[in-house]
Amino acid sequence: MTDQTRWGILEVQTKNKAIKYQRDLVSRAMDQVVKMDESGITDLMIKIEAEYERKYGKKEASKLVL
């Protein structure tokens, strides 16, 4: 077991919690996507692409392959 008093343990735990939070968000979103029909999923894809372009720029979004 890792010594909890070592330097950097808090940062590692915080990073792991952030990763777990993101995975939980994706999991919850997928639970809702399963309930959607084709038009709802298409609308969601368009909104996700727009948000991705807003956050990361058009050059990054155009490289994305779905």
PDB file of N, CA and C in Angstrom:
ATOM      1  N   MET A   1       0.845  -1.176   0.000  1.00  0.00           N
ATOM      2  CA  MET A   1       0.000   0.000   0.000  1.00  0.00           C
ATOM      3  C   MET A   1       0.889   1.236   0.000  1.00  0.00           C
ATOM      4  N   THR A   2       0.452   2.265  -0.689  1.00  0.00           N
ATOM      5  CA  THR A   2       1.229   3.494  -0.799  1.00  0.00           C
ATOM      6  C   THR A   2       1.140   4.288   0.490  1.00  0.00           C
ATOM      7  N   ASP A   3       2.270   4.869   0.873  1.00  0.00           N
ATOM      8  CA  ASP A   3       2.330   5.734   2.050  1.00  0.00           C
ATOM      9  C   ASP A   3       1.509   6.990   1.774  1.00  0.00           C
ATOM     10  N   GLN A   4       0.440   7.206   2.501  1.00  0.00           N
ATOM     11  CA  GLN A   4      -0.467   8.325   2.271  1.00  0.00           C
ATOM     12  C   GLN A   4       0.130   9.675   2.668  1.00  0.00           C
ATOM     13  N   THR A   5       1.274   9.675   3.332  1.00  0.00           N
ATOM     14  CA  THR A   5       1.893  10.932   3.746  1.00  0.00           C
ATOM     15  C   THR A   5       2.922  11.416   2.727  1.00  0.00           C
ATOM     16  N   ARG A   6       3.179  10.651   1.683  1.00  0.00           N
ATOM     17  CA  ARG A   6       4.161  11.042   0.683  1.00  0.00           C
ATOM     18  C   ARG A   6       3.682  12.259  -0.095  1.00  0.00           C
ATOM     19  N   TRP A   7       4.647  13.019  -0.627  1.00  0.00           N
ATOM     20  CA  TRP A   7       4.328  14.186  -1.410  1.00  0.00           C
ATOM     21  C   TRP A   7       3.659  13.773  -2.712  1.00  0.00           C
ATOM     22  N   GLY A   8       2.619  14.492  -3.084  1.00  0.00           N
ATOM     23  CA  GLY A   8       1.961  14.254  -4.354  1.00  0.00           C
ATOM     24  C   GLY A   8       0.782  13.299  -4.304  1.00  0.00           C
ATOM     25  N   ILE A   9       0.554  12.646  -3.178  1.00  0.00           N
ATOM     26  CA  ILE A   9      -0.561  11.696  -3.082  1.00  0.00           C
ATOM     27  C   ILE A   9      -1.893  12.412  -3.268  1.00  0.00           C
ATOM     28  N   LEU A  10      -2.054  13.584  -2.666  1.00  0.00           N
ATOM     29  CA  LEU A  10      -3.305  14.332  -2.800  1.00  0.00           C
ATOM     30  C   LEU A  10      -3.573  14.695  -4.257  1.00  0.00           C
ATOM     31  N   GLU A  11      -2.524  15.084  -4.995  1.00  0.00           N
ATOM     32  CA  GLU A  11      -2.684  15.431  -6.400  1.00  0.00           C
ATOM     33  C   GLU A  11      -3.101  14.215  -7.228  1.00  0.00           C
ATOM     34  N   VAL A  12      -2.510  13.066  -6.927  1.00  0.00           N
ATOM     35  CA  VAL A  12      -2.863  11.834  -7.635  1.00  0.00           C
ATOM     36  C   VAL A  12      -4.305  11.456  -7.344  1.00  0.00           C
ATOM     37  N   GLN A  13      -4.711  11.564  -6.089  1.00  0.00           N
ATOM     38  CA  GLN A  13      -6.093  11.232  -5.723  1.00  0.00           C
ATOM     39  C   GLN A  13      -7.073  12.191  -6.390  1.00  0.00           C
ATOM     40  N   THR A  14      -6.731  13.471  -6.442  1.00  0.00           N
ATOM     41  CA  THR A  14      -7.598  14.463  -7.076  1.00  0.00           C
ATOM     42  C   THR A  14      -7.725  14.177  -8.564  1.00  0.00           C
ATOM     43  N   LYS A  15      -6.615  13.834  -9.220  1.00  0.00           N
ATOM     44  CA  LYS A  15      -6.639  13.503 -10.641  1.00  0.00           C
ATOM     45  C   LYS A  15      -7.499  12.266 -10.884  1.00  0.00           C
ATOM     46  N   ASN A  16      -7.349  11.247 -10.043  1.00  0.00           N
ATOM     47  CA  ASN A  16      -8.137  10.026 -10.188  1.00  0.00           C
ATOM     48  C   ASN A  16      -9.624  10.287  -9.994  1.00  0.00           C
ATOM     49  N   LYS A  17      -9.963  11.172  -9.048  1.00  0.00           N
ATOM     50  CA  LYS A  17     -11.364  11.527  -8.823  1.00  0.00           C
ATOM     51  C   LYS A  17     -11.933  12.256 -10.028  1.00  0.00           C
ATOM     52  N   ALA A  18     -11.141  13.133 -10.645  1.00  0.00           N
ATOM     53  CA  ALA A  18     -11.598  13.853 -11.833  1.00  0.00           C
ATOM     54  C   ALA A  18     -11.838  12.890 -12.989  1.00  0.00           C
ATOM     55  N   ILE A  19     -10.946  11.934 -13.170  1.00  0.00           N
ATOM     56  CA  ILE A  19     -11.109  10.930 -14.230  1.00  0.00           C
ATOM     57  C   ILE A  19     -12.361  10.103 -13.976  1.00  0.00           C
ATOM     58  N   LYS A  20     -12.567   9.674 -12.733  1.00  0.00           N
ATOM     59  CA  LYS A  20     -13.756   8.884 -12.394  1.00  0.00           C
ATOM     60  C   LYS A  20     -15.028   9.698 -12.616  1.00  0.00           C
ATOM     61  N   TYR A  21     -14.991  10.985 -12.282  1.00  0.00           N
ATOM     62  CA  TYR A  21     -16.161  11.845 -12.480  1.00  0.00           C
ATOM     63  C   TYR A  21     -16.513  11.930 -13.956  1.00  0.00           C
ATOM     64  N   GLN A  22     -15.502  12.104 -14.814  1.00  0.00           N
ATOM     65  CA  GLN A  22     -15.747  12.164 -16.257  1.00  0.00           C
ATOM     66  C   GLN A  22     -16.327  10.850 -16.769  1.00  0.00           C
ATOM     67  N   ARG A  23     -15.796   9.731 -16.309  1.00  0.00           N
ATOM     68  CA  ARG A  23     -16.319   8.428 -16.729  1.00  0.00           C
ATOM     69  C   ARG A  23     -17.749   8.228 -16.265  1.00  0.00           C
ATOM     70  N   ASP A  24     -18.056   8.691 -15.050  1.00  0.00           N
ATOM     71  CA  ASP A  24     -19.425   8.592 -14.542  1.00  0.00           C
ATOM     72  C   ASP A  24     -20.381   9.447 -15.374  1.00  0.00           C
ATOM     73  N   LEU A  25     -19.929  10.644 -15.790  1.00  0.00           N
ATOM     74  CA  LEU A  25     -20.760  11.496 -16.639  1.00  0.00           C
ATOM     75  C   LEU A  25     -21.081  10.794 -17.954  1.00  0.00           C
ATOM     76  N   VAL A  26     -20.081  10.187 -18.564  1.00  0.00           N
ATOM     77  CA  VAL A  26     -20.288   9.474 -19.828  1.00  0.00           C
ATOM     78  C   VAL A  26     -21.250   8.311 -19.618  1.00  0.00           C
ATOM     79  N   SER A  27     -21.081   7.599 -18.533  1.00  0.00           N
ATOM     80  CA  SER A  27     -21.940   6.457 -18.252  1.00  0.00           C
ATOM     81  C   SER A  27     -23.395   6.886 -18.078  1.00  0.00           C
ATOM     82  N   ARG A  28     -23.611   7.962 -17.334  1.00  0.00           N
ATOM     83  CA  ARG A  28     -24.977   8.458 -17.137  1.00  0.00           C
ATOM     84  C   ARG A  28     -25.572   8.963 -18.446  1.00  0.00           C
ATOM     85  N   ALA A  29     -24.748   9.620 -19.254  1.00  0.00           N
ATOM     86  CA  ALA A  29     -25.243  10.107 -20.547  1.00  0.00           C
ATOM     87  C   ALA A  29     -25.639   8.938 -21.443  1.00  0.00           C
ATOM     88  N   MET A  30     -24.834   7.895 -21.444  1.00  0.00           N
ATOM     89  CA  MET A  30     -25.144   6.729 -22.281  1.00  0.00           C
ATOM     90  C   MET A  30     -26.428   6.047 -21.825  1.00  0.00           C
ATOM     91  N   ASP A  31     -26.701   6.063 -20.525  1.00  0.00           N
ATOM     92  CA  ASP A  31     -27.961   5.503 -20.035  1.00  0.00           C
ATOM     93  C   ASP A  31     -29.149   6.236 -20.661  1.00  0.00           C
ATOM     94  N   GLN A  32     -29.021   7.546 -20.840  1.00  0.00           N
ATOM     95  CA  GLN A  32     -30.089   8.335 -21.436  1.00  0.00           C
ATOM     96  C   GLN A  32     -30.142   8.150 -22.954  1.00  0.00           C
ATOM     97  N   VAL A  33     -28.979   8.004 -23.598  1.00  0.00           N
ATOM     98  CA  VAL A  33     -28.926   7.827 -25.052  1.00  0.00           C
ATOM     99  C   VAL A  33     -29.621   6.538 -25.455  1.00  0.00           C
ATOM    100  N   VAL A  34     -29.496   5.505 -24.649  1.00  0.00           N
ATOM    101  CA  VAL A  34     -30.138   4.220 -24.952  1.00  0.00           C
ATOM    102  C   VAL A  34     -31.653   4.389 -25.049  1.00  0.00           C
ATOM    103  N   LYS A  35     -32.204   5.328 -24.311  1.00  0.00           N
ATOM    104  CA  LYS A  35     -33.654   5.555 -24.305  1.00  0.00           C
ATOM    105  C   LYS A  35     -34.131   6.402 -25.484  1.00  0.00           C
ATOM    106  N   MET A  36     -33.210   7.030 -26.228  1.00  0.00           N
ATOM    107  CA  MET A  36     -33.579   7.946 -27.312  1.00  0.00           C
ATOM    108  C   MET A  36     -33.865   7.202 -28.613  1.00  0.00           C
ATOM    109  N   ASP A  37     -34.625   7.887 -29.478  1.00  0.00           N
ATOM    110  CA  ASP A  37     -34.820   7.363 -30.823  1.00  0.00           C
ATOM    111  C   ASP A  37     -33.781   7.988 -31.749  1.00  0.00           C
ATOM    112  N   GLU A  38     -33.857   7.647 -33.037  1.00  0.00           N
ATOM    113  CA  GLU A  38     -32.836   8.081 -33.999  1.00  0.00           C
ATOM    114  C   GLU A  38     -32.734   9.599 -34.098  1.00  0.00           C
ATOM    115  N   SER A  39     -33.849  10.300 -34.140  1.00  0.00           N
ATOM    116  CA  SER A  39     -33.816  11.755 -34.292  1.00  0.00           C
ATOM    117  C   SER A  39     -33.220  12.426 -33.054  1.00  0.00           C
ATOM    118  N   GLY A  40     -33.518  11.882 -31.895  1.00  0.00           N
ATOM    119  CA  GLY A  40     -32.947  12.437 -30.668  1.00  0.00           C
ATOM    120  C   GLY A  40     -31.441  12.266 -30.608  1.00  0.00           C
ATOM    121  N   ILE A  41     -30.968  11.111 -31.029  1.00  0.00           N
ATOM    122  CA  ILE A  41     -29.523  10.845 -31.037  1.00  0.00           C
ATOM    123  C   ILE A  41     -28.833  11.742 -32.052  1.00  0.00           C
ATOM    124  N   THR A  42     -29.457  11.953 -33.207  1.00  0.00           N
ATOM    125  CA  THR A  42     -28.884  12.827 -34.230  1.00  0.00           C
ATOM    126  C   THR A  42     -28.769  14.257 -33.705  1.00  0.00           C
ATOM    127  N   ASP A  43     -29.823  14.743 -33.058  1.00  0.00           N
ATOM    128  CA  ASP A  43     -29.781  16.093 -32.476  1.00  0.00           C
ATOM    129  C   ASP A  43     -28.681  16.201 -31.423  1.00  0.00           C
ATOM    130  N   LEU A  44     -28.547  15.175 -30.619  1.00  0.00           N
ATOM    131  CA  LEU A  44     -27.510  15.173 -29.588  1.00  0.00           C
ATOM    132  C   LEU A  44     -26.121  15.204 -30.210  1.00  0.00           C
ATOM    133  N   MET A  45     -25.910  14.448 -31.283  1.00  0.00           N
ATOM    134  CA  MET A  45     -24.610  14.438 -31.961  1.00  0.00           C
ATOM    135  C   MET A  45     -24.262  15.823 -32.489  1.00  0.00           C
ATOM    136  N   ILE A  46     -25.235  16.517 -33.058  1.00  0.00           N
ATOM    137  CA  ILE A  46     -25.011  17.862 -33.588  1.00  0.00           C
ATOM    138  C   ILE A  46     -24.619  18.816 -32.460  1.00  0.00           C
ATOM    139  N   LYS A  47     -25.305  18.715 -31.331  1.00  0.00           N
ATOM    140  CA  LYS A  47     -24.996  19.584 -30.195  1.00  0.00           C
ATOM    141  C   LYS A  47     -23.615  19.275 -29.608  1.00  0.00           C
ATOM    142  N   ILE A  48     -23.264  17.998 -29.563  1.00  0.00           N
ATOM    143  CA  ILE A  48     -21.953  17.613 -29.041  1.00  0.00           C
ATOM    144  C   ILE A  48     -20.851  18.131 -29.959  1.00  0.00           C
ATOM    145  N   GLU A  49     -21.028  18.002 -31.278  1.00  0.00           N
ATOM    146  CA  GLU A  49     -20.038  18.512 -32.220  1.00  0.00           C
ATOM    147  C   GLU A  49     -19.873  20.020 -32.093  1.00  0.00           C
ATOM    148  N   ALA A  50     -20.981  20.745 -31.931  1.00  0.00           N
ATOM    149  CA  ALA A  50     -20.916  22.200 -31.783  1.00  0.00           C
ATOM    150  C   ALA A  50     -20.172  22.579 -30.502  1.00  0.00           C
ATOM    151  N   GLU A  51     -20.445  21.875 -29.428  1.00  0.00           N
ATOM    152  CA  GLU A  51     -19.760  22.163 -28.154  1.00  0.00           C
ATOM    153  C   GLU A  51     -18.280  21.839 -28.251  1.00  0.00           C
ATOM    154  N   TYR A  52     -17.946  20.751 -28.939  1.00  0.00           N
ATOM    155  CA  TYR A  52     -16.545  20.376 -29.126  1.00  0.00           C
ATOM    156  C   TYR A  52     -15.805  21.448 -29.919  1.00  0.00           C
ATOM    157  N   GLU A  53     -16.428  21.936 -30.991  1.00  0.00           N
ATOM    158  CA  GLU A  53     -15.815  22.991 -31.791  1.00  0.00           C
ATOM    159  C   GLU A  53     -15.656  24.272 -30.984  1.00  0.00           C
ATOM    160  N   ARG A  54     -16.643  24.588 -30.158  1.00  0.00           N
ATOM    161  CA  ARG A  54     -16.572  25.790 -29.328  1.00  0.00           C
ATOM    162  C   ARG A  54     -15.414  25.710 -28.346  1.00  0.00           C
ATOM    163  N   LYS A  55     -15.226  24.533 -27.741  1.00  0.00           N
ATOM    164  CA  LYS A  55     -14.180  24.377 -26.728  1.00  0.00           C
ATOM    165  C   LYS A  55     -12.794  24.197 -27.323  1.00  0.00           C
ATOM    166  N   TYR A  56     -12.682  23.417 -28.397  1.00  0.00           N
ATOM    167  CA  TYR A  56     -11.368  23.009 -28.874  1.00  0.00           C
ATOM    168  C   TYR A  56     -11.022  23.510 -30.267  1.00  0.00           C
ATOM    169  N   GLY A  57     -11.911  24.216 -30.916  1.00  0.00           N
ATOM    170  CA  GLY A  57     -11.622  24.770 -32.227  1.00  0.00           C
ATOM    171  C   GLY A  57     -12.011  23.848 -33.354  1.00  0.00           C
ATOM    172  N   LYS A  58     -12.216  24.446 -34.520  1.00  0.00           N
ATOM    173  CA  LYS A  58     -12.696  23.689 -35.676  1.00  0.00           C
ATOM    174  C   LYS A  58     -11.651  22.735 -36.218  1.00  0.00           C
ATOM    175  N   LYS A  59     -10.369  23.090 -36.112  1.00  0.00           N
ATOM    176  CA  LYS A  59      -9.330  22.220 -36.647  1.00  0.00           C
ATOM    177  C   LYS A  59      -9.301  20.887 -35.917  1.00  0.00           C
ATOM    178  N   GLU A  60      -9.472  20.910 -34.623  1.00  0.00           N
ATOM    179  CA  GLU A  60      -9.478  19.666 -33.848  1.00  0.00           C
ATOM    180  C   GLU A  60     -10.719  18.844 -34.158  1.00  0.00           C
ATOM    181  N   ALA A  61     -11.849  19.490 -34.297  1.00  0.00           N
ATOM    182  CA  ALA A  61     -13.104  18.771 -34.531  1.00  0.00           C
ATOM    183  C   ALA A  61     -13.096  18.106 -35.904  1.00  0.00           C
ATOM    184  N   SER A  62     -12.447  18.730 -36.889  1.00  0.00           N
ATOM    185  CA  SER A  62     -12.447  18.133 -38.214  1.00  0.00           C
ATOM    186  C   SER A  62     -11.581  16.877 -38.278  1.00  0.00           C
ATOM    187  N   LYS A  63     -10.641  16.717 -37.356  1.00  0.00           N
ATOM    188  CA  LYS A  63      -9.804  15.535 -37.310  1.00  0.00           C
ATOM    189  C   LYS A  63     -10.524  14.360 -36.646  1.00  0.00           C
ATOM    190  N   LEU A  64     -11.574  14.657 -35.909  1.00  0.00           N
ATOM    191  CA  LEU A  64     -12.296  13.644 -35.152  1.00  0.00           C
ATOM    192  C   LEU A  64     -13.039  12.714 -36.089  1.00  0.00           C
ATOM    193  N   VAL A  65     -12.877  11.431 -35.888  1.00  0.00           N
ATOM    194  CA  VAL A  65     -13.573  10.427 -36.682  1.00  0.00           C
ATOM    195  C   VAL A  65     -14.539   9.690 -35.765  1.00  0.00           C
ATOM    196  N   LEU A  66     -15.809   9.719 -36.137  1.00  0.00           N
ATOM    197  CA  LEU A  66     -16.822   9.036 -35.309  1.00  0.00           C
ATOM    198  C   LEU A  66     -17.201   7.732 -35.932  1.00  0.00           C
TER     199      LEU A  66
END
